[in-house]
C-alpha atoms as a PDB file:
ATOM      1  CA  MET A   1       3.698 -48.740  48.426  1.00  0.00           C
ATOM      2  CA  GLU A   2       3.927 -45.008  48.972  1.00  0.00           C
ATOM      3  CA  SER A   3       0.520 -44.547  47.398  1.00  0.00           C
ATOM      4  CA  SER A   4      -1.084 -46.824  50.003  1.00  0.00           C
ATOM      5  CA  ILE A   5       0.129 -44.475  52.737  1.00  0.00           C
ATOM      6  CA  ARG A   6      -0.813 -41.399  50.713  1.00  0.00           C
ATOM      7  CA  ASN A   7       2.776 -40.288  50.049  1.00  0.00           C
ATOM      8  CA  LYS A   8       3.286 -39.248  53.666  1.00  0.00           C
ATOM      9  CA  PHE A   9       6.302 -41.518  54.114  1.00  0.00           C
ATOM     10  CA  LYS A  10       9.088 -42.818  51.915  1.00  0.00           C
ATOM     11  CA  PHE A  11       9.174 -46.557  51.232  1.00  0.00           C
ATOM     12  CA  TYR A  12      12.662 -48.009  51.668  1.00  0.00           C
ATOM     13  CA  GLY A  13      11.825 -51.731  51.529  1.00  0.00           C
ATOM     14  CA  LEU A  14      11.913 -54.259  48.753  1.00  0.00           C
ATOM     15  CA  LYS A  15       8.969 -54.449  46.408  1.00  0.00           C
ATOM     16  CA  THR A  16       7.145 -57.781  46.364  1.00  0.00           C
ATOM     17  CA  PRO A  17       8.593 -59.258  43.141  1.00  0.00           C
ATOM     18  CA  GLU A  18      12.154 -58.427  44.203  1.00  0.00           C
ATOM     19  CA  ARG A  19      11.603 -59.804  47.702  1.00  0.00           C
ATOM     20  CA  ARG A  20      10.103 -63.050  46.400  1.00  0.00           C
ATOM     21  CA  GLN A  21      12.934 -63.576  43.931  1.00  0.00           C
ATOM     22  CA  SER A  22      15.638 -63.064  46.547  1.00  0.00           C
ATOM     23  CA  TYR A  23      13.806 -65.366  48.971  1.00  0.00           C
ATOM     24  CA  HIS A  24      13.489 -68.016  46.250  1.00  0.00           C
ATOM     25  CA  ASP A  25      17.183 -67.767  45.305  1.00  0.00           C
ATOM     26  CA  PHE A  26      18.217 -68.041  48.958  1.00  0.00           C
ATOM     27  CA  ILE A  27      16.145 -71.188  49.529  1.00  0.00           C
ATOM     28  CA  LYS A  28      17.472 -72.806  46.359  1.00  0.00           C
ATOM     29  CA  ARG A  29      21.062 -72.094  47.404  1.00  0.00           C
ATOM     30  CA  GLU A  30      20.543 -73.369  50.944  1.00  0.00           C
ATOM     31  CA  LYS A  31      18.866 -76.579  49.754  1.00  0.00           C
ATOM     32  CA  LYS A  32      22.144 -77.482  48.065  1.00  0.00           C
ATOM     33  CA  ASN A  33      23.838 -77.150  51.474  1.00  0.00           C
ATOM     34  CA  LYS A  34      21.111 -79.369  53.000  1.00  0.00           C
ATOM     35  CA  LYS A  35      20.395 -76.880  55.766  1.00  0.00           C
ATOM     36  CA  ILE A  36      17.909 -74.028  55.823  1.00  0.00           C
ATOM     37  CA  ASP A  37      17.819 -71.471  58.613  1.00  0.00           C
ATOM     38  CA  TRP A  38      14.029 -71.279  58.915  1.00  0.00           C
ATOM     39  CA  ALA A  39      14.206 -68.941  61.917  1.00  0.00           C
ATOM     40  CA  LEU A  40      16.083 -66.378  59.802  1.00  0.00           C
ATOM     41  CA  LEU A  41      13.647 -66.731  56.900  1.00  0.00           C
ATOM     42  CA  ASN A  42      10.621 -66.363  59.158  1.00  0.00           C
ATOM     43  CA  GLN A  43      12.045 -63.163  60.627  1.00  0.00           C
ATOM     44  CA  ALA A  44      12.546 -61.768  57.137  1.00  0.00           C
END
């Protein structure tokens, strides 16, 4: 990510594979509870 902004800024976010995995795990866990907070997920 830093390379796309020419190393002018530090990148402190989650890289895509990590973000997708955590999102997937969260949805799987919430499906067991039968309620998903879609507003929270859309903000993320």
